[in-house]
């Protein structure tokens, strides 16, 4: 029987497994679309792949030369893309089973701060501190589209993969049609400029109705994806280190999860803004990454350690 995500089920989540493979902060995680596997990358230059069904670690891949951040599974099995933290700002396409690079995507001249893969095809978007957003096809090392922006970009595809959103300078969100992005955005939402922090991530809800804005401060914003209207500001989690703490939706778009520098996971109701609970995991460091599995009833959160959460107790409790 399928469990439904409701408040008491969320509150019942407990850490079922902790992995201590990393010696430094895990900076990015991504579930495979099937939910079977999870990939993480860390500032210790390790990529770790986990089996979500068995709750085991499958494999570790080292990226000592280039470093690794913003890792994402592609649609092909056992492949991922990631940005680099050393040598240059090239994006790399990696075969995980033999630890070989399939292709390089050069072009950015400063640190890549946003990377997202299309939900429907082999294209991806990258945004950099060089104030450009680039559109790529995994089959070609050449950039397919280039947008010059007025500030630091963050980007996300909508669930259908038809449009993408670019957040610029922590104050505006521009929506582009992928088939005609070279004509410029078809709509721009102006929000009030963030004073205390920068936007560090965008995510569309699975139902496509809202956009979640993560920051490197102690606020998370939720806006209407069609009109840009501010819907919620989620607060109460700590971020006293200025790190890009990830905020994520549950697959049903009803809940928002965020890490915190005090090692806990905060959960809000997306519609009402009400704080559902704070989950304690004994994370020894700041939790930068939190995501809900797209297919299974499990949550992953990461500091230096990776924690897998499952709901405990009777579902009718």
Protein backbone atom coordinates (compact mmCIF):
# COMPACT_ATOMS: atom_id res chain seq x y z
CA UNK A 1 0.00 0.00 0.00
CA UNK A 2 1.29 3.45 -0.88
CA UNK A 3 1.80 5.82 1.99
CA UNK A 4 0.59 9.35 1.51
CA UNK A 5 2.73 12.23 2.60
CA UNK A 6 0.86 13.99 5.40
CA UNK A 7 2.11 15.89 8.43
CA UNK A 8 2.30 12.96 10.85
CA UNK A 9 4.16 10.80 8.31
CA UNK A 10 6.71 13.58 7.75
CA UNK A 11 7.14 13.96 11.52
CA UNK A 12 7.76 10.22 11.85
CA UNK A 13 10.85 10.28 9.60
CA UNK A 14 13.93 8.90 11.35
CA UNK A 15 17.48 8.30 10.19
CA UNK A 16 17.69 4.68 9.02
CA UNK A 17 21.29 4.68 7.79
CA UNK A 18 24.32 6.97 8.06
CA UNK A 19 27.30 6.76 5.72
CA UNK A 20 30.64 8.23 6.73
CA UNK A 21 32.59 7.85 3.49
CA UNK A 22 33.54 11.50 3.13
CA UNK A 23 36.23 13.47 4.91
CA UNK A 24 34.87 16.86 3.83
CA UNK A 25 31.51 18.54 3.21
CA UNK A 26 29.16 16.93 0.69
CA UNK A 27 28.30 19.82 -1.63
CA UNK A 28 25.80 18.26 -4.04
CA UNK A 29 23.47 15.24 -4.30
CA UNK A 30 21.11 13.91 -6.98
CA UNK A 31 18.65 11.01 -7.17
CA UNK A 32 18.35 9.06 -10.40
CA UNK A 33 14.93 9.62 -12.05
CA UNK A 34 13.97 6.03 -11.09
CA UNK A 35 14.85 6.73 -7.44
CA UNK A 36 17.02 3.57 -7.31
CA UNK A 37 20.33 5.36 -6.87
CA UNK A 38 21.70 8.52 -5.31
CA UNK A 39 24.93 10.23 -6.28
CA UNK A 40 26.87 12.69 -4.15
CA UNK A 41 30.01 14.73 -4.52
CA UNK A 42 32.16 16.27 -1.84
CA UNK A 43 34.89 18.81 -1.27
CA UNK A 44 37.22 15.85 -0.67
CA UNK A 45 36.97 15.27 -4.49
CA UNK A 46 35.00 12.02 -4.10
CA UNK A 47 31.88 10.97 -5.98
CA UNK A 48 29.89 8.35 -4.06
CA UNK A 49 27.00 6.32 -5.51
CA UNK A 50 24.41 4.74 -3.20
CA UNK A 51 21.80 2.04 -3.73
CA UNK A 52 18.59 3.49 -2.29
CA UNK A 53 16.67 0.21 -2.17
CA UNK A 54 19.34 -1.72 -0.31
CA UNK A 55 20.62 1.28 1.68
CA UNK A 56 24.21 0.52 0.69
CA UNK A 57 27.12 2.32 -0.85
CA UNK A 58 27.75 1.01 -4.36
CA UNK A 59 30.85 2.77 -5.57
CA UNK A 60 33.29 5.62 -5.03
CA UNK A 61 34.89 7.52 -7.89
CA UNK A 62 37.68 10.03 -7.32
CA UNK A 63 38.01 13.32 -9.16
CA UNK A 64 41.23 14.52 -7.55
CA UNK A 65 42.53 16.45 -10.53
CA UNK A 66 39.50 18.66 -11.27
CA UNK A 67 37.47 18.51 -8.07
CA UNK A 68 33.72 18.06 -8.29
CA UNK A 69 30.54 20.03 -7.56
CA UNK A 70 26.93 20.27 -8.81
CA UNK A 71 26.71 16.61 -9.81
CA UNK A 72 23.70 15.31 -11.77
CA UNK A 73 22.74 11.99 -13.26
CA UNK A 74 22.07 12.14 -17.00
CA UNK A 75 19.38 10.03 -18.67
CA UNK A 76 21.85 7.34 -19.74
CA UNK A 77 22.57 4.74 -17.09
CA UNK A 78 25.77 5.15 -15.11
CA UNK A 79 26.64 8.62 -16.41
CA UNK A 80 26.76 12.01 -14.72
CA UNK A 81 27.78 15.59 -15.36
CA UNK A 82 29.52 17.83 -12.87
CA UNK A 83 31.23 21.18 -12.55
CA UNK A 84 34.88 21.50 -11.54
CA UNK A 85 36.46 23.15 -8.51
CA UNK A 86 40.09 23.05 -9.68
CA UNK A 87 42.15 23.67 -12.84
CA UNK A 88 39.37 25.30 -14.90
CA UNK A 89 35.61 25.87 -15.09
CA UNK A 90 34.87 23.18 -17.67
CA UNK A 91 31.82 20.96 -17.14
CA UNK A 92 32.61 17.26 -17.36
CA UNK A 93 30.53 14.30 -18.54
CA UNK A 94 31.56 11.14 -16.72
CA UNK A 95 31.03 7.44 -17.26
CA UNK A 96 30.68 6.12 -13.73
CA UNK A 97 31.24 2.42 -14.34
CA UNK A 98 34.74 2.84 -15.80
CA UNK A 99 35.54 6.29 -14.37
CA UNK A 100 36.31 7.83 -17.76
CA UNK A 101 35.28 11.20 -19.10
CA UNK A 102 33.04 10.96 -22.15
CA UNK A 103 33.11 14.65 -23.05
CA UNK A 104 34.20 18.08 -21.84
CA UNK A 105 32.13 21.26 -22.08
CA UNK A 106 34.50 24.26 -21.99
CA UNK A 107 33.38 27.89 -22.19
CA UNK A 108 32.75 29.34 -18.77
CA UNK A 109 35.53 31.61 -17.51
CA UNK A 110 34.49 31.72 -13.85
CA UNK A 111 33.06 29.28 -11.32
CA UNK A 112 29.93 27.43 -12.42
CA UNK A 113 27.25 28.03 -9.77
CA UNK A 114 24.19 26.48 -11.43
CA UNK A 115 23.83 23.23 -13.36
CA UNK A 116 20.63 21.43 -14.30
CA UNK A 117 19.69 18.69 -16.71
CA UNK A 118 16.53 18.64 -18.83
CA UNK A 119 13.89 16.25 -17.46
CA UNK A 120 13.06 15.04 -20.97
CA UNK A 121 16.12 15.16 -23.21
CA UNK A 122 19.92 15.18 -23.26
CA UNK A 123 20.36 18.90 -22.83
CA UNK A 124 21.52 20.84 -19.81
CA UNK A 125 21.91 24.40 -18.58
CA UNK A 126 24.85 25.93 -16.78
CA UNK A 127 25.18 29.32 -15.09
CA UNK A 128 28.43 30.90 -14.00
CA UNK A 129 29.83 33.85 -12.07
CA UNK A 130 31.00 35.04 -15.53
CA UNK A 131 27.34 36.23 -15.79
CA UNK A 132 26.42 33.87 -18.60
CA UNK A 133 23.93 31.07 -18.92
CA UNK A 134 24.82 28.36 -21.42
CA UNK A 135 22.64 25.70 -23.03
CA UNK A 136 24.36 22.43 -23.99
CA UNK A 137 23.63 19.13 -25.70
CA UNK A 138 25.39 16.12 -24.16
CA UNK A 139 26.33 14.91 -27.65
CA UNK A 140 28.36 18.00 -28.54
CA UNK A 141 31.18 19.85 -26.74
CA UNK A 142 29.99 23.12 -28.29
CA UNK A 143 27.61 25.38 -26.46
CA UNK A 144 24.17 25.43 -28.16
CA UNK A 145 23.04 28.74 -26.71
CA UNK A 146 24.55 31.61 -24.75
CA UNK A 147 22.76 34.22 -22.68
CA UNK A 148 24.57 37.22 -21.20
CA UNK A 149 22.99 38.34 -17.95
CA UNK A 150 23.41 41.29 -15.63
CA UNK A 151 24.49 39.28 -12.60
CA UNK A 152 24.94 35.92 -10.91
CA UNK A 153 22.60 33.36 -12.54
CA UNK A 154 20.66 30.38 -11.21
CA UNK A 155 18.59 28.20 -13.54
CA UNK A 156 16.00 25.43 -13.62
CA UNK A 157 13.91 23.52 -16.15
CA UNK A 158 10.17 23.19 -15.69
CA UNK A 159 8.90 19.58 -15.21
CA UNK A 160 7.94 19.24 -18.89
CA UNK A 161 11.33 20.46 -20.08
CA UNK A 162 9.66 23.05 -22.33
CA UNK A 163 10.75 26.21 -20.56
CA UNK A 164 13.51 27.22 -18.22
CA UNK A 165 13.75 29.86 -15.55
CA UNK A 166 16.81 32.02 -14.98
CA UNK A 167 17.17 33.88 -11.72
CA UNK A 168 19.39 36.92 -12.16
CA UNK A 169 21.17 39.07 -9.60
CA UNK A 170 18.95 37.77 -6.77
CA UNK A 171 16.11 40.04 -7.91
CA UNK A 172 14.45 38.86 -11.13
CA UNK A 173 13.32 35.61 -12.72
CA UNK A 174 13.19 35.35 -16.50
CA UNK A 175 11.26 32.55 -18.22
CA UNK A 176 12.49 31.32 -21.61
CA UNK A 177 10.90 29.02 -24.16
CA UNK A 178 13.53 26.40 -25.03
CA UNK A 179 12.55 26.40 -28.70
CA UNK A 180 13.09 30.14 -29.03
CA UNK A 181 15.31 31.16 -26.12
CA UNK A 182 17.43 33.28 -28.48
CA UNK A 183 14.48 35.68 -28.73
CA UNK A 184 14.90 36.45 -25.03
CA UNK A 185 12.61 35.76 -22.09
CA UNK A 186 8.85 35.70 -22.72
CA UNK A 187 8.21 37.03 -19.23
CA UNK A 188 10.26 38.57 -16.43
CA UNK A 189 9.23 38.62 -12.77
CA UNK A 190 10.79 41.40 -10.74
CA UNK A 191 11.12 40.60 -7.05
CA UNK A 192 12.55 42.83 -4.38
CA UNK A 193 16.34 42.63 -4.36
CA UNK A 194 17.73 40.33 -1.65
CA UNK A 195 19.59 42.50 0.83
CA UNK A 196 21.09 39.90 3.16
CA UNK A 197 21.89 37.04 0.77
CA UNK A 198 22.22 35.71 -2.79
CA UNK A 199 19.95 33.32 -4.62
CA UNK A 200 21.80 30.03 -4.99
CA UNK A 201 19.20 27.69 -6.49
CA UNK A 202 15.87 27.48 -8.31
CA UNK A 203 13.51 24.50 -8.46
CA UNK A 204 10.10 24.09 -10.06
CA UNK A 205 7.58 22.05 -8.10
CA UNK A 206 6.68 18.76 -9.78
CA UNK A 207 3.22 20.13 -10.63
CA UNK A 208 4.91 23.11 -12.33
CA UNK A 209 2.88 25.67 -10.39
CA UNK A 210 5.52 27.16 -8.12
CA UNK A 211 9.24 27.98 -8.06
CA UNK A 212 11.37 27.56 -4.95
CA UNK A 213 14.31 29.94 -4.49
CA UNK A 214 17.19 28.76 -2.29
CA UNK A 215 19.68 31.26 -0.87
CA UNK A 216 22.97 31.40 1.01
CA UNK A 217 21.13 33.16 3.85
CA UNK A 218 18.42 32.08 6.27
CA UNK A 219 15.42 32.56 3.98
CA UNK A 220 13.80 30.48 1.24
CA UNK A 221 11.25 31.99 -1.12
CA UNK A 222 8.34 30.42 -2.97
CA UNK A 223 6.75 32.20 -5.92
CA UNK A 224 3.94 31.48 -8.35
CA UNK A 225 5.47 30.08 -11.57
CA UNK A 226 2.89 31.76 -13.83
CA UNK A 227 2.69 35.27 -12.36
CA UNK A 228 5.79 35.61 -10.19
CA UNK A 229 3.66 36.46 -7.15
CA UNK A 230 5.46 35.85 -3.85
CA UNK A 231 3.61 33.04 -2.04
CA UNK A 232 5.75 32.14 0.98
CA UNK A 233 8.96 33.01 2.76
CA UNK A 234 10.27 30.08 4.78
CA UNK A 235 12.47 30.93 7.75
CA UNK A 236 13.59 29.48 11.05
CA UNK A 237 16.43 27.34 9.77
CA UNK A 238 19.95 28.55 10.48
CA UNK A 239 22.50 29.61 7.92
CA UNK A 240 25.21 31.53 9.72
CA UNK A 241 27.95 30.34 7.38
CA UNK A 242 26.73 31.86 4.10
CA UNK A 243 26.59 28.47 2.40
CA UNK A 244 24.21 27.59 -0.46
CA UNK A 245 21.76 25.49 1.55
CA UNK A 246 19.54 23.45 -0.73
CA UNK A 247 15.77 23.60 -0.44
CA UNK A 248 13.68 20.88 -2.09
CA UNK A 249 10.09 19.88 -2.69
CA UNK A 250 8.47 16.58 -1.83
CA UNK A 251 7.41 14.77 -5.04
CA UNK A 252 3.76 15.77 -4.45
CA UNK A 253 4.81 19.47 -4.24
CA UNK A 254 3.14 19.73 -0.78
CA UNK A 255 6.20 20.07 1.44
CA UNK A 256 9.46 21.98 1.39
CA UNK A 257 12.63 20.62 3.02
CA UNK A 258 15.79 22.50 3.88
CA UNK A 259 19.05 21.84 5.64
CA UNK A 260 20.43 24.07 8.37
CA UNK A 261 23.86 24.93 9.72
CA UNK A 262 22.86 23.42 13.09
CA UNK A 263 22.74 19.96 11.46
CA UNK A 264 18.96 19.62 11.33
CA UNK A 265 16.34 19.36 8.58
CA UNK A 266 13.42 21.79 8.54
CA UNK A 267 10.09 20.99 6.88
CA UNK A 268 7.28 23.40 5.91
CA UNK A 269 3.89 23.05 4.32
CA UNK A 270 4.34 24.66 0.89
CA UNK A 271 0.77 25.95 0.66
CA UNK A 272 0.36 27.46 4.12
CA UNK A 273 3.99 28.20 5.02
CA UNK A 274 3.41 26.43 8.32
CA UNK A 275 6.49 24.74 9.87
CA UNK A 276 5.59 21.05 10.04
CA UNK A 277 8.62 19.89 12.01
CA UNK A 278 12.36 20.02 12.54
CA UNK A 279 14.05 16.64 12.09
CA UNK A 280 17.18 15.96 14.10
CA UNK A 281 19.79 13.70 12.57
CA UNK A 282 22.92 14.11 14.67
CA UNK A 283 24.58 15.63 11.64
CA UNK A 284 27.90 16.89 13.06
CA UNK A 285 28.13 19.74 10.53
CA UNK A 286 25.95 22.05 8.44
CA UNK A 287 23.42 20.21 6.27
CA UNK A 288 23.88 21.73 2.81
CA UNK A 289 21.99 19.12 0.76
CA UNK A 290 18.47 17.74 1.26
CA UNK A 291 16.36 15.93 -1.33
CA UNK A 292 13.32 13.66 -1.31
CA UNK A 293 13.48 10.52 -3.41
CA UNK A 294 11.30 10.97 -6.55
CA UNK A 295 9.85 7.43 -6.33
CA UNK A 296 10.36 6.00 -2.83
CA UNK A 297 9.31 7.21 0.60
CA UNK A 298 12.79 8.29 1.64
CA UNK A 299 14.73 11.46 2.28
CA UNK A 300 18.46 12.07 2.00
CA UNK A 301 20.38 14.77 3.86
CA UNK A 302 24.10 15.43 3.86
CA UNK A 303 26.79 17.28 5.80
CA UNK A 304 30.12 15.40 5.79
CA UNK A 305 27.95 12.34 6.40
CA UNK A 306 25.09 11.09 4.26
CA UNK A 307 21.86 10.20 6.08
CA UNK A 308 18.97 8.17 4.65
CA UNK A 309 15.60 8.79 6.35
CA UNK A 310 12.53 6.58 6.40
CA UNK A 311 9.13 7.04 8.05
CA UNK A 312 8.75 4.92 11.17
CA UNK A 313 5.67 3.60 12.93
CA UNK A 314 2.14 2.73 11.92
CA UNK A 315 0.92 4.74 8.94
CA UNK A 316 -2.45 5.14 10.69
CA UNK A 317 -0.87 6.51 13.85
